[in-house]
Amino acid sequence: MSPENENTNTAFLIMQYEQAMETFRHGVTSLAQLVTVFVLADITLIGFAIDNQIAGIIFLGALFPIFIINSASVVGKLLADDFHGLLHRTKMRRRNRRFDAHRPARQSLA
């Protein structure tokens, strides 16, 4: 393998790693925002039900934790592939660094 090709592979791995990390962070941030919306909706709905003393609305408010758990599991399944790819790219990046550390330094021809 030529040095230019190795540098290109390393740069490509770094770019993929950064994109996978960005995708994973975006997914976790979106999940946190979604859970926040569900918690606020739950608190608002239960507060309204208690204020108006309506039992049916309290039952609907009790369903929000189920929505939270369901959305967390769906997002977790969607992010599992990204997380696996992120771990694989991290391993490849470390392997490339280890090989680069053991290579002798190139001497210039000038």
PDB file of N, CA and C in Angstrom:
ATOM      1  N   MET A   1       0.843  -1.175   0.000  1.00  0.00           N
ATOM      2  CA  MET A   1       0.000   0.000   0.000  1.00  0.00           C
ATOM      3  C   MET A   1       0.889   1.239   0.000  1.00  0.00           C
ATOM      4  N   SER A   2       0.546   2.188  -0.810  1.00  0.00           N
ATOM      5  CA  SER A   2       1.355   3.401  -0.882  1.00  0.00           C
ATOM      6  C   SER A   2       1.014   4.320   0.291  1.00  0.00           C
ATOM      7  N   PRO A   3       1.957   5.198   0.659  1.00  0.00           N
ATOM      8  CA  PRO A   3       1.696   6.113   1.791  1.00  0.00           C
ATOM      9  C   PRO A   3       0.513   7.034   1.530  1.00  0.00           C
ATOM     10  N   GLU A   4       0.327   7.441   0.266  1.00  0.00           N
ATOM     11  CA  GLU A   4      -0.799   8.335  -0.040  1.00  0.00           C
ATOM     12  C   GLU A   4      -2.121   7.609   0.184  1.00  0.00           C
ATOM     13  N   ASN A   5      -2.161   6.326  -0.191  1.00  0.00           N
ATOM     14  CA  ASN A   5      -3.369   5.539  -0.014  1.00  0.00           C
ATOM     15  C   ASN A   5      -3.665   5.324   1.468  1.00  0.00           C
ATOM     16  N   GLU A   6      -2.638   5.093   2.271  1.00  0.00           N
ATOM     17  CA  GLU A   6      -2.823   4.925   3.713  1.00  0.00           C
ATOM     18  C   GLU A   6      -3.328   6.207   4.352  1.00  0.00           C
ATOM     19  N   ASN A   7      -2.782   7.344   3.915  1.00  0.00           N
ATOM     20  CA  ASN A   7      -3.253   8.630   4.452  1.00  0.00           C
ATOM     21  C   ASN A   7      -4.703   8.869   4.070  1.00  0.00           C
ATOM     22  N   THR A   8      -5.067   8.483   2.849  1.00  0.00           N
ATOM     23  CA  THR A   8      -6.444   8.638   2.400  1.00  0.00           C
ATOM     24  C   THR A   8      -7.366   7.735   3.214  1.00  0.00           C
ATOM     25  N   ASN A   9      -6.927   6.486   3.460  1.00  0.00           N
ATOM     26  CA  ASN A   9      -7.733   5.579   4.281  1.00  0.00           C
ATOM     27  C   ASN A   9      -7.912   6.128   5.687  1.00  0.00           C
ATOM     28  N   THR A  10      -6.849   6.635   6.273  1.00  0.00           N
ATOM     29  CA  THR A  10      -6.931   7.186   7.625  1.00  0.00           C
ATOM     30  C   THR A  10      -7.853   8.405   7.655  1.00  0.00           C
ATOM     31  N   ALA A  11      -7.720   9.279   6.663  1.00  0.00           N
ATOM     32  CA  ALA A  11      -8.586  10.464   6.604  1.00  0.00           C
ATOM     33  C   ALA A  11     -10.045  10.054   6.424  1.00  0.00           C
ATOM     34  N   PHE A  12     -10.265   9.024   5.599  1.00  0.00           N
ATOM     35  CA  PHE A  12     -11.631   8.541   5.378  1.00  0.00           C
ATOM     36  C   PHE A  12     -12.209   7.947   6.660  1.00  0.00           C
ATOM     37  N   LEU A  13     -11.404   7.171   7.390  1.00  0.00           N
ATOM     38  CA  LEU A  13     -11.866   6.604   8.659  1.00  0.00           C
ATOM     39  C   LEU A  13     -12.195   7.693   9.678  1.00  0.00           C
ATOM     40  N   ILE A  14     -11.359   8.714   9.717  1.00  0.00           N
ATOM     41  CA  ILE A  14     -11.613   9.829  10.639  1.00  0.00           C
ATOM     42  C   ILE A  14     -12.912  10.535  10.276  1.00  0.00           C
ATOM     43  N   MET A  15     -13.143  10.751   8.981  1.00  0.00           N
ATOM     44  CA  MET A  15     -14.364  11.412   8.536  1.00  0.00           C
ATOM     45  C   MET A  15     -15.589  10.552   8.873  1.00  0.00           C
ATOM     46  N   GLN A  16     -15.510   9.243   8.641  1.00  0.00           N
ATOM     47  CA  GLN A  16     -16.624   8.361   8.979  1.00  0.00           C
ATOM     48  C   GLN A  16     -16.881   8.346  10.488  1.00  0.00           C
ATOM     49  N   TYR A  17     -15.812   8.331  11.261  1.00  0.00           N
ATOM     50  CA  TYR A  17     -15.930   8.341  12.719  1.00  0.00           C
ATOM     51  C   TYR A  17     -16.653   9.603  13.178  1.00  0.00           C
ATOM     52  N   GLU A  18     -16.251  10.742  12.637  1.00  0.00           N
ATOM     53  CA  GLU A  18     -16.874  12.005  13.041  1.00  0.00           C
ATOM     54  C   GLU A  18     -18.342  12.049  12.640  1.00  0.00           C
ATOM     55  N   GLN A  19     -18.670  11.533  11.449  1.00  0.00           N
ATOM     56  CA  GLN A  19     -20.062  11.525  11.016  1.00  0.00           C
ATOM     57  C   GLN A  19     -20.902  10.575  11.858  1.00  0.00           C
ATOM     58  N   ALA A  20     -20.350   9.414  12.193  1.00  0.00           N
ATOM     59  CA  ALA A  20     -21.092   8.470  13.040  1.00  0.00           C
ATOM     60  C   ALA A  20     -21.309   9.051  14.426  1.00  0.00           C
ATOM     61  N   MET A  21     -20.302   9.722  14.958  1.00  0.00           N
ATOM     62  CA  MET A  21     -20.431  10.351  16.274  1.00  0.00           C
ATOM     63  C   MET A  21     -21.492  11.456  16.231  1.00  0.00           C
ATOM     64  N   GLU A  22     -21.500  12.226  15.174  1.00  0.00           N
ATOM     65  CA  GLU A  22     -22.497  13.290  15.036  1.00  0.00           C
ATOM     66  C   GLU A  22     -23.910  12.710  14.935  1.00  0.00           C
ATOM     67  N   THR A  23     -24.072  11.628  14.180  1.00  0.00           N
ATOM     68  CA  THR A  23     -25.380  10.986  14.047  1.00  0.00           C
ATOM     69  C   THR A  23     -25.844  10.432  15.388  1.00  0.00           C
ATOM     70  N   PHE A  24     -24.932   9.798  16.113  1.00  0.00           N
ATOM     71  CA  PHE A  24     -25.284   9.234  17.412  1.00  0.00           C
ATOM     72  C   PHE A  24     -25.675  10.340  18.394  1.00  0.00           C
ATOM     73  N   ARG A  25     -24.910  11.418  18.423  1.00  0.00           N
ATOM     74  CA  ARG A  25     -25.245  12.538  19.322  1.00  0.00           C
ATOM     75  C   ARG A  25     -26.590  13.151  18.959  1.00  0.00           C
ATOM     76  N   HIS A  26     -26.859  13.263  17.648  1.00  0.00           N
ATOM     77  CA  HIS A  26     -28.133  13.816  17.203  1.00  0.00           C
ATOM     78  C   HIS A  26     -29.287  12.921  17.660  1.00  0.00           C
ATOM     79  N   GLY A  27     -29.112  11.611  17.552  1.00  0.00           N
ATOM     80  CA  GLY A  27     -30.152  10.687  17.986  1.00  0.00           C
ATOM     81  C   GLY A  27     -30.411  10.776  19.479  1.00  0.00           C
ATOM     82  N   VAL A  28     -29.351  10.860  20.258  1.00  0.00           N
ATOM     83  CA  VAL A  28     -29.512  10.956  21.722  1.00  0.00           C
ATOM     84  C   VAL A  28     -30.162  12.290  22.097  1.00  0.00           C
ATOM     85  N   THR A  29     -29.768  13.357  21.423  1.00  0.00           N
ATOM     86  CA  THR A  29     -30.369  14.666  21.689  1.00  0.00           C
ATOM     87  C   THR A  29     -31.850  14.671  21.326  1.00  0.00           C
ATOM     88  N   SER A  30     -32.188  14.067  20.195  1.00  0.00           N
ATOM     89  CA  SER A  30     -33.594  13.990  19.788  1.00  0.00           C
ATOM     90  C   SER A  30     -34.403  13.180  20.784  1.00  0.00           C
ATOM     91  N   LEU A  31     -33.831  12.090  21.286  1.00  0.00           N
ATOM     92  CA  LEU A  31     -34.528  11.289  22.289  1.00  0.00           C
ATOM     93  C   LEU A  31     -34.749  12.094  23.563  1.00  0.00           C
ATOM     94  N   ALA A  32     -33.756  12.837  23.988  1.00  0.00           N
ATOM     95  CA  ALA A  32     -33.901  13.662  25.197  1.00  0.00           C
ATOM     96  C   ALA A  32     -34.993  14.713  25.009  1.00  0.00           C
ATOM     97  N   GLN A  33     -35.066  15.315  23.832  1.00  0.00           N
ATOM     98  CA  GLN A  33     -36.105  16.302  23.562  1.00  0.00           C
ATOM     99  C   GLN A  33     -37.487  15.657  23.536  1.00  0.00           C
ATOM    100  N   LEU A  34     -37.569  14.470  22.947  1.00  0.00           N
ATOM    101  CA  LEU A  34     -38.847  13.771  22.882  1.00  0.00           C
ATOM    102  C   LEU A  34     -39.331  13.383  24.282  1.00  0.00           C
ATOM    103  N   VAL A  35     -38.430  12.891  25.110  1.00  0.00           N
ATOM    104  CA  VAL A  35     -38.800  12.530  26.481  1.00  0.00           C
ATOM    105  C   VAL A  35     -39.226  13.772  27.260  1.00  0.00           C
ATOM    106  N   THR A  36     -38.551  14.891  27.033  1.00  0.00           N
ATOM    107  CA  THR A  36     -38.925  16.133  27.705  1.00  0.00           C
ATOM    108  C   THR A  36     -40.341  16.556  27.327  1.00  0.00           C
ATOM    109  N   VAL A  37     -40.677  16.448  26.055  1.00  0.00           N
ATOM    110  CA  VAL A  37     -42.033  16.802  25.602  1.00  0.00           C
ATOM    111  C   VAL A  37     -43.064  15.876  26.247  1.00  0.00           C
ATOM    112  N   PHE A  38     -42.771  14.581  26.283  1.00  0.00           N
ATOM    113  CA  PHE A  38     -43.713  13.642  26.899  1.00  0.00           C
ATOM    114  C   PHE A  38     -43.885  13.903  28.391  1.00  0.00           C
ATOM    115  N   VAL A  39     -42.821  14.218  29.084  1.00  0.00           N
ATOM    116  CA  VAL A  39     -42.918  14.488  30.527  1.00  0.00           C
ATOM    117  C   VAL A  39     -43.730  15.763  30.774  1.00  0.00           C
ATOM    118  N   LEU A  40     -43.457  16.809  29.988  1.00  0.00           N
ATOM    119  CA  LEU A  40     -44.234  18.045  30.151  1.00  0.00           C
ATOM    120  C   LEU A  40     -45.702  17.833  29.824  1.00  0.00           C
ATOM    121  N   ALA A  41     -45.989  17.065  28.778  1.00  0.00           N
ATOM    122  CA  ALA A  41     -47.385  16.771  28.429  1.00  0.00           C
ATOM    123  C   ALA A  41     -48.055  15.970  29.538  1.00  0.00           C
ATOM    124  N   ASP A  42     -47.325  15.021  30.107  1.00  0.00           N
ATOM    125  CA  ASP A  42     -47.871  14.198  31.191  1.00  0.00           C
ATOM    126  C   ASP A  42     -48.199  15.053  32.411  1.00  0.00           C
ATOM    127  N   ILE A  43     -47.268  15.910  32.791  1.00  0.00           N
ATOM    128  CA  ILE A  43     -47.495  16.770  33.959  1.00  0.00           C
ATOM    129  C   ILE A  43     -48.661  17.718  33.713  1.00  0.00           C
ATOM    130  N   THR A  44     -48.720  18.281  32.516  1.00  0.00           N
ATOM    131  CA  THR A  44     -49.811  19.202  32.195  1.00  0.00           C
ATOM    132  C   THR A  44     -51.162  18.494  32.205  1.00  0.00           C
ATOM    133  N   LEU A  45     -51.207  17.308  31.606  1.00  0.00           N
ATOM    134  CA  LEU A  45     -52.463  16.566  31.539  1.00  0.00           C
ATOM    135  C   LEU A  45     -52.931  16.112  32.922  1.00  0.00           C
ATOM    136  N   ILE A  46     -52.018  15.629  33.733  1.00  0.00           N
ATOM    137  CA  ILE A  46     -52.401  15.188  35.083  1.00  0.00           C
ATOM    138  C   ILE A  46     -52.811  16.389  35.935  1.00  0.00           C
ATOM    139  N   GLY A  47     -52.106  17.508  35.791  1.00  0.00           N
ATOM    140  CA  GLY A  47     -52.496  18.713  36.526  1.00  0.00           C
ATOM    141  C   GLY A  47     -53.882  19.194  36.129  1.00  0.00           C
ATOM    142  N   PHE A  48     -54.187  19.153  34.829  1.00  0.00           N
ATOM    143  CA  PHE A  48     -55.516  19.537  34.353  1.00  0.00           C
ATOM    144  C   PHE A  48     -56.577  18.586  34.887  1.00  0.00           C
ATOM    145  N   ALA A  49     -56.272  17.290  34.885  1.00  0.00           N
ATOM    146  CA  ALA A  49     -57.244  16.287  35.357  1.00  0.00           C
ATOM    147  C   ALA A  49     -57.518  16.434  36.851  1.00  0.00           C
ATOM    148  N   ILE A  50     -56.479  16.704  37.620  1.00  0.00           N
ATOM    149  CA  ILE A  50     -56.677  16.876  39.064  1.00  0.00           C
ATOM    150  C   ILE A  50     -57.459  18.148  39.352  1.00  0.00           C
ATOM    151  N   ASP A  51     -57.158  19.201  38.590  1.00  0.00           N
ATOM    152  CA  ASP A  51     -57.849  20.473  38.789  1.00  0.00           C
ATOM    153  C   ASP A  51     -59.335  20.344  38.478  1.00  0.00           C
ATOM    154  N   ASN A  52     -59.666  19.612  37.407  1.00  0.00           N
ATOM    155  CA  ASN A  52     -61.070  19.461  37.009  1.00  0.00           C
ATOM    156  C   ASN A  52     -61.701  18.183  37.545  1.00  0.00           C
ATOM    157  N   GLN A  53     -60.938  17.371  38.250  1.00  0.00           N
ATOM    158  CA  GLN A  53     -61.399  16.127  38.844  1.00  0.00           C
ATOM    159  C   GLN A  53     -62.065  15.210  37.815  1.00  0.00           C
ATOM    160  N   ILE A  54     -61.292  14.920  36.757  1.00  0.00           N
ATOM    161  CA  ILE A  54     -61.770  14.025  35.697  1.00  0.00           C
ATOM    162  C   ILE A  54     -60.870  12.793  35.692  1.00  0.00           C
ATOM    163  N   ALA A  55     -61.450  11.639  35.976  1.00  0.00           N
ATOM    164  CA  ALA A  55     -60.652  10.425  36.117  1.00  0.00           C
ATOM    165  C   ALA A  55     -60.134   9.907  34.773  1.00  0.00           C
ATOM    166  N   GLY A  56     -60.895  10.092  33.718  1.00  0.00           N
ATOM    167  CA  GLY A  56     -60.487   9.583  32.397  1.00  0.00           C
ATOM    168  C   GLY A  56     -59.208  10.238  31.889  1.00  0.00           C
ATOM    169  N   ILE A  57     -59.026  11.504  32.182  1.00  0.00           N
ATOM    170  CA  ILE A  57     -57.827  12.205  31.734  1.00  0.00           C
ATOM    171  C   ILE A  57     -56.620  11.762  32.553  1.00  0.00           C
ATOM    172  N   ILE A  58     -56.831  11.420  33.812  1.00  0.00           N
ATOM    173  CA  ILE A  58     -55.724  10.888  34.610  1.00  0.00           C
ATOM    174  C   ILE A  58     -55.258   9.562  34.022  1.00  0.00           C
ATOM    175  N   PHE A  59     -56.195   8.756  33.531  1.00  0.00           N
ATOM    176  CA  PHE A  59     -55.827   7.498  32.879  1.00  0.00           C
ATOM    177  C   PHE A  59     -54.968   7.770  31.641  1.00  0.00           C
ATOM    178  N   LEU A  60     -55.342   8.770  30.857  1.00  0.00           N
ATOM    179  CA  LEU A  60     -54.525   9.121  29.683  1.00  0.00           C
ATOM    180  C   LEU A  60     -53.136   9.603  30.100  1.00  0.00           C
ATOM    181  N   GLY A  61     -53.073  10.334  31.205  1.00  0.00           N
ATOM    182  CA  GLY A  61     -51.784  10.786  31.722  1.00  0.00           C
ATOM    183  C   GLY A  61     -50.912   9.628  32.179  1.00  0.00           C
ATOM    184  N   ALA A  62     -51.548   8.546  32.603  1.00  0.00           N
ATOM    185  CA  ALA A  62     -50.788   7.371  33.028  1.00  0.00           C
ATOM    186  C   ALA A  62     -50.185   6.624  31.835  1.00  0.00           C
ATOM    187  N   LEU A  63     -50.660   6.893  30.637  1.00  0.00           N
ATOM    188  CA  LEU A  63     -50.127   6.229  29.442  1.00  0.00           C
ATOM    189  C   LEU A  63     -48.828   6.867  28.943  1.00  0.00           C
ATOM    190  N   PHE A  64     -48.545   8.079  29.344  1.00  0.00           N
ATOM    191  CA  PHE A  64     -47.347   8.762  28.846  1.00  0.00           C
ATOM    192  C   PHE A  64     -46.038   8.054  29.197  1.00  0.00           C
ATOM    193  N   PRO A  65     -45.899   7.474  30.409  1.00  0.00           N
ATOM    194  CA  PRO A  65     -44.664   6.714  30.656  1.00  0.00           C
ATOM    195  C   PRO A  65     -44.485   5.534  29.693  1.00  0.00           C
ATOM    196  N   ILE A  66     -45.600   4.934  29.260  1.00  0.00           N
ATOM    197  CA  ILE A  66     -45.509   3.856  28.269  1.00  0.00           C
ATOM    198  C   ILE A  66     -44.984   4.415  26.951  1.00  0.00           C
ATOM    199  N   PHE A  67     -45.453   5.597  26.557  1.00  0.00           N
ATOM    200  CA  PHE A  67     -44.953   6.240  25.335  1.00  0.00           C
ATOM    201  C   PHE A  67     -43.466   6.545  25.452  1.00  0.00           C
ATOM    202  N   ILE A  68     -43.039   6.978  26.625  1.00  0.00           N
ATOM    203  CA  ILE A  68     -41.625   7.301  26.848  1.00  0.00           C
ATOM    204  C   ILE A  68     -40.767   6.045  26.701  1.00  0.00           C
ATOM    205  N   ILE A  69     -41.185   4.966  27.337  1.00  0.00           N
ATOM    206  CA  ILE A  69     -40.415   3.719  27.256  1.00  0.00           C
ATOM    207  C   ILE A  69     -40.396   3.192  25.823  1.00  0.00           C
ATOM    208  N   ASN A  70     -41.551   3.256  25.142  1.00  0.00           N
ATOM    209  CA  ASN A  70     -41.625   2.777  23.768  1.00  0.00           C
ATOM    210  C   ASN A  70     -40.734   3.600  22.842  1.00  0.00           C
ATOM    211  N   SER A  71     -40.764   4.913  22.963  1.00  0.00           N
ATOM    212  CA  SER A  71     -39.936   5.748  22.093  1.00  0.00           C
ATOM    213  C   SER A  71     -38.454   5.548  22.380  1.00  0.00           C
ATOM    214  N   ALA A  72     -38.100   5.346  23.656  1.00  0.00           N
ATOM    215  CA  ALA A  72     -36.693   5.093  23.994  1.00  0.00           C
ATOM    216  C   ALA A  72     -36.218   3.776  23.389  1.00  0.00           C
ATOM    217  N   SER A  73     -37.063   2.762  23.392  1.00  0.00           N
ATOM    218  CA  SER A  73     -36.639   1.484  22.806  1.00  0.00           C
ATOM    219  C   SER A  73     -36.532   1.569  21.290  1.00  0.00           C
ATOM    220  N   VAL A  74     -37.440   2.294  20.644  1.00  0.00           N
ATOM    221  CA  VAL A  74     -37.384   2.435  19.182  1.00  0.00           C
ATOM    222  C   VAL A  74     -36.140   3.224  18.766  1.00  0.00           C
ATOM    223  N   VAL A  75     -35.888   4.336  19.442  1.00  0.00           N
ATOM    224  CA  VAL A  75     -34.703   5.130  19.117  1.00  0.00           C
ATOM    225  C   VAL A  75     -33.435   4.342  19.439  1.00  0.00           C
ATOM    226  N   GLY A  76     -33.457   3.576  20.512  1.00  0.00           N
ATOM    227  CA  GLY A  76     -32.304   2.744  20.855  1.00  0.00           C
ATOM    228  C   GLY A  76     -32.012   1.714  19.780  1.00  0.00           C
ATOM    229  N   LYS A  77     -33.049   1.104  19.237  1.00  0.00           N
ATOM    230  CA  LYS A  77     -32.853   0.132  18.153  1.00  0.00           C
ATOM    231  C   LYS A  77     -32.319   0.808  16.897  1.00  0.00           C
ATOM    232  N   LEU A  78     -32.812   2.008  16.616  1.00  0.00           N
ATOM    233  CA  LEU A  78     -32.339   2.730  15.434  1.00  0.00           C
ATOM    234  C   LEU A  78     -30.877   3.166  15.579  1.00  0.00           C
ATOM    235  N   LEU A  79     -30.482   3.509  16.806  1.00  0.00           N
ATOM    236  CA  LEU A  79     -29.116   3.969  17.032  1.00  0.00           C
ATOM    237  C   LEU A  79     -28.127   2.831  17.260  1.00  0.00           C
ATOM    238  N   ALA A  80     -28.629   1.609  17.416  1.00  0.00           N
ATOM    239  CA  ALA A  80     -27.740   0.479  17.677  1.00  0.00           C
ATOM    240  C   ALA A  80     -26.748   0.277  16.529  1.00  0.00           C
ATOM    241  N   ASP A  81     -27.235   0.392  15.289  1.00  0.00           N
ATOM    242  CA  ASP A  81     -26.337   0.249  14.142  1.00  0.00           C
ATOM    243  C   ASP A  81     -25.293   1.355  14.111  1.00  0.00           C
ATOM    244  N   ASP A  82     -25.715   2.564  14.384  1.00  0.00           N
ATOM    245  CA  ASP A  82     -24.754   3.672  14.400  1.00  0.00           C
ATOM    246  C   ASP A  82     -23.723   3.481  15.497  1.00  0.00           C
ATOM    247  N   PHE A  83     -24.167   3.007  16.652  1.00  0.00           N
ATOM    248  CA  PHE A  83     -23.237   2.803  17.761  1.00  0.00           C
ATOM    249  C   PHE A  83     -22.260   1.678  17.439  1.00  0.00           C
ATOM    250  N   HIS A  84     -22.753   0.619  16.818  1.00  0.00           N
ATOM    251  CA  HIS A  84     -21.866  -0.482  16.428  1.00  0.00           C
ATOM    252  C   HIS A  84     -20.839   0.010  15.414  1.00  0.00           C
ATOM    253  N   GLY A  85     -21.282   0.789  14.432  1.00  0.00           N
ATOM    254  CA  GLY A  85     -20.350   1.348  13.456  1.00  0.00           C
ATOM    255  C   GLY A  85     -19.349   2.287  14.102  1.00  0.00           C
ATOM    256  N   LEU A  86     -19.801   3.040  15.079  1.00  0.00           N
ATOM    257  CA  LEU A  86     -18.908   3.959  15.782  1.00  0.00           C
ATOM    258  C   LEU A  86     -17.826   3.192  16.534  1.00  0.00           C
ATOM    259  N   LEU A  87     -18.218   2.106  17.200  1.00  0.00           N
ATOM    260  CA  LEU A  87     -17.230   1.290  17.900  1.00  0.00           C
ATOM    261  C   LEU A  87     -16.242   0.652  16.934  1.00  0.00           C
ATOM    262  N   HIS A  88     -16.753   0.182  15.793  1.00  0.00           N
ATOM    263  CA  HIS A  88     -15.873  -0.433  14.801  1.00  0.00           C
ATOM    264  C   HIS A  88     -14.877   0.589  14.248  1.00  0.00           C
ATOM    265  N   ARG A  89     -15.363   1.787  13.961  1.00  0.00           N
ATOM    266  CA  ARG A  89     -14.468   2.821  13.427  1.00  0.00           C
ATOM    267  C   ARG A  89     -13.445   3.259  14.466  1.00  0.00           C
ATOM    268  N   THR A  90     -13.858   3.288  15.730  1.00  0.00           N
ATOM    269  CA  THR A  90     -12.915   3.626  16.794  1.00  0.00           C
ATOM    270  C   THR A  90     -11.812   2.580  16.881  1.00  0.00           C
ATOM    271  N   LYS A  91     -12.201   1.317  16.774  1.00  0.00           N
ATOM    272  CA  LYS A  91     -11.217   0.239  16.810  1.00  0.00           C
ATOM    273  C   LYS A  91     -10.261   0.349  15.622  1.00  0.00           C
ATOM    274  N   MET A  92     -10.792   0.634  14.435  1.00  0.00           N
ATOM    275  CA  MET A  92      -9.950   0.779  13.243  1.00  0.00           C
ATOM    276  C   MET A  92      -9.017   1.978  13.390  1.00  0.00           C
ATOM    277  N   ARG A  93      -9.514   3.040  13.967  1.00  0.00           N
ATOM    278  CA  ARG A  93      -8.696   4.239  14.146  1.00  0.00           C
ATOM    279  C   ARG A  93      -7.543   3.968  15.115  1.00  0.00           C
ATOM    280  N   ARG A  94      -7.847   3.274  16.202  1.00  0.00           N
ATOM    281  CA  ARG A  94      -6.796   2.935  17.166  1.00  0.00           C
ATOM    282  C   ARG A  94      -5.772   1.993  16.538  1.00  0.00           C
ATOM    283  N   ARG A  95      -6.255   1.046  15.743  1.00  0.00           N
ATOM    284  CA  ARG A  95      -5.354   0.117  15.092  1.00  0.00           C
ATOM    285  C   ARG A  95      -4.419   0.867  14.143  1.00  0.00           C
ATOM    286  N   ASN A  96      -4.945   1.827  13.399  1.00  0.00           N
ATOM    287  CA  ASN A  96      -4.106   2.608  12.486  1.00  0.00           C
ATOM    288  C   ASN A  96      -3.090   3.438  13.254  1.00  0.00           C
ATOM    289  N   ARG A  97      -3.493   3.995  14.386  1.00  0.00           N
ATOM    290  CA  ARG A  97      -2.537   4.772  15.201  1.00  0.00           C
ATOM    291  C   ARG A  97      -1.431   3.875  15.736  1.00  0.00           C
ATOM    292  N   ARG A  98      -1.787   2.666  16.154  1.00  0.00           N
ATOM    293  CA  ARG A  98      -0.802   1.745  16.693  1.00  0.00           C
ATOM    294  C   ARG A  98       0.216   1.377  15.616  1.00  0.00           C
ATOM    295  N   PHE A  99      -0.267   1.110  14.405  1.00  0.00           N
ATOM    296  CA  PHE A  99       0.645   0.779  13.319  1.00  0.00           C
ATOM    297  C   PHE A  99       1.502   1.980  12.933  1.00  0.00           C
ATOM    298  N   ASP A 100       0.894   3.159  12.950  1.00  0.00           N
ATOM    299  CA  ASP A 100       1.657   4.369  12.616  1.00  0.00           C
ATOM    300  C   ASP A 100       2.743   4.635  13.650  1.00  0.00           C
ATOM    301  N   ALA A 101       2.490   4.297  14.910  1.00  0.00           N
ATOM    302  CA  ALA A 101       3.474   4.559  15.960  1.00  0.00           C
ATOM    303  C   ALA A 101       4.690   3.648  15.836  1.00  0.00           C
ATOM    304  N   HIS A 102       4.500   2.451  15.273  1.00  0.00           N
ATOM    305  CA  HIS A 102       5.599   1.497  15.167  1.00  0.00           C
ATOM    306  C   HIS A 102       6.375   1.605  13.855  1.00  0.00           C
ATOM    307  N   ARG A 103       5.868   2.391  12.927  1.00  0.00           N
ATOM    308  CA  ARG A 103       6.563   2.546  11.651  1.00  0.00           C
ATOM    309  C   ARG A 103       7.763   3.458  11.828  1.00  0.00           C
ATOM    310  N   PRO A 104       8.843   3.158  11.153  1.00  0.00           N
ATOM    311  CA  PRO A 104       9.979   4.071  11.216  1.00  0.00           C
ATOM    312  C   PRO A 104       9.655   5.369  10.472  1.00  0.00           C
ATOM    313  N   ALA A 105      10.252   6.426  10.912  1.00  0.00           N
ATOM    314  CA  ALA A 105      10.018   7.729  10.286  1.00  0.00           C
ATOM    315  C   ALA A 105      10.591   7.743   8.889  1.00  0.00           C
ATOM    316  N   ARG A 106       9.894   8.390   7.985  1.00  0.00           N
ATOM    317  CA  ARG A 106      10.367   8.479   6.603  1.00  0.00           C
ATOM    318  C   ARG A 106      11.493   9.514   6.504  1.00  0.00           C
ATOM    319  N   GLN A 107      12.443   9.199   5.741  1.00  0.00           N
ATOM    320  CA  GLN A 107      13.528  10.143   5.521  1.00  0.00           C
ATOM    321  C   GLN A 107      13.322  10.814   4.175  1.00  0.00           C
ATOM    322  N   SER A 108      13.556  12.108   4.160  1.00  0.00           N
ATOM    323  CA  SER A 108      13.362  12.827   2.913  1.00  0.00           C
ATOM    324  C   SER A 108      14.547  12.574   1.981  1.00  0.00           C
ATOM    325  N   LEU A 109      14.266  12.657   0.709  1.00  0.00           N
ATOM    326  CA  LEU A 109      15.315  12.419  -0.299  1.00  0.00           C
ATOM    327  C   LEU A 109      16.105  13.684  -0.605  1.00  0.00           C
ATOM    328  N   ALA A 110      15.704  14.792  -0.076  1.00  0.00           N
ATOM    329  CA  ALA A 110      16.390  16.056  -0.366  1.00  0.00           C
ATOM    330  C   ALA A 110      17.663  16.213   0.420  1.00  0.00           C
TER     331      ALA A 110
END
